[in-house]
Amino acid sequence: MDTRNHVSISLPKTLIQKIRQAIKQHPDYSSIAEFVKDAVRRRLEELGCYDDEIIDANNCDAEVLER
């Protein structure tokens, strides 16, 4: 059974263009979703909120937080 949750986000066009450029330059990313998932995981690591034993890239609950 697939336990992943799906969310939709809106990003400025210029940010999406930059992500697409980065994907072209770094073919280890195959999609925008993969790029964003990795970026979020890295940011959570920076904030000290990521634990490999609890969260993995394919099985993660997340909340949208606004500043």
Protein backbone atom coordinates (compact mmCIF):
# COMPACT_ATOMS: atom_id res chain seq x y z
CA MET A 1 0.00 0.00 0.00
CA ASP A 2 1.28 3.46 -0.93
CA THR A 3 1.54 5.63 2.20
CA ARG A 4 2.74 8.80 0.47
CA ASN A 5 0.75 12.01 0.70
CA HIS A 6 0.54 14.40 -2.20
CA VAL A 7 0.43 18.17 -1.93
CA SER A 8 0.27 20.90 -4.53
CA ILE A 9 2.28 24.07 -4.21
CA SER A 10 2.45 27.22 -6.28
CA LEU A 11 5.84 28.69 -7.13
CA PRO A 12 6.73 31.85 -9.03
CA LYS A 13 7.44 31.20 -12.71
CA THR A 14 11.00 32.46 -12.35
CA LEU A 15 11.69 29.93 -9.59
CA ILE A 16 10.28 27.10 -11.70
CA GLN A 17 12.48 28.21 -14.60
CA LYS A 18 15.55 28.14 -12.34
CA ILE A 19 14.63 24.66 -11.10
CA ARG A 20 14.26 23.44 -14.70
CA GLN A 21 17.68 24.91 -15.56
CA ALA A 22 19.21 23.18 -12.54
CA ILE A 23 17.68 19.85 -13.59
CA LYS A 24 19.16 20.24 -17.09
CA GLN A 25 22.58 20.94 -15.58
CA HIS A 26 22.30 18.14 -13.02
CA PRO A 27 20.72 15.10 -14.68
CA ASP A 28 20.72 13.18 -11.39
CA TYR A 29 17.34 14.92 -10.89
CA SER A 30 14.67 13.52 -13.21
CA SER A 31 11.79 15.83 -12.28
CA ILE A 32 10.80 19.01 -10.49
CA ALA A 33 9.17 16.90 -7.77
CA GLU A 34 12.42 15.01 -7.15
CA PHE A 35 14.39 18.26 -7.02
CA VAL A 36 11.95 19.87 -4.57
CA LYS A 37 11.84 16.74 -2.38
CA ASP A 38 15.64 16.80 -2.13
CA ALA A 39 15.68 20.55 -1.41
CA VAL A 40 13.12 20.16 1.38
CA ARG A 41 15.01 17.22 2.90
CA ARG A 42 18.27 19.22 2.84
CA ARG A 43 16.59 22.23 4.48
CA LEU A 44 15.10 20.02 7.20
CA GLU A 45 18.60 18.64 7.82
CA GLU A 46 19.95 22.21 8.14
CA LEU A 47 17.24 23.02 10.68
CA GLY A 48 17.95 19.84 12.62
CA CYS A 49 14.43 18.53 11.94
CA TYR A 50 15.32 15.53 9.78
CA ASP A 51 15.93 12.04 11.12
CA ASP A 52 16.65 9.24 8.63
CA GLU A 53 15.18 6.68 11.00
CA ILE A 54 11.83 8.48 11.19
CA ILE A 55 11.52 10.23 7.84
CA ASP A 56 12.52 9.08 4.39
CA ALA A 57 11.97 10.79 1.06
CA ASN A 58 9.17 8.40 0.09
CA ASN A 59 7.29 8.22 3.39
CA CYS A 60 6.99 11.63 4.98
CA ASP A 61 4.19 13.72 6.43
CA ALA A 62 4.55 17.46 5.99
CA GLU A 63 2.68 20.62 6.82
CA VAL A 64 2.64 23.85 4.86
CA LEU A 65 3.91 26.65 7.07
CA GLU A 66 3.58 30.30 6.16
CA ARG A 67 5.83 33.08 7.40
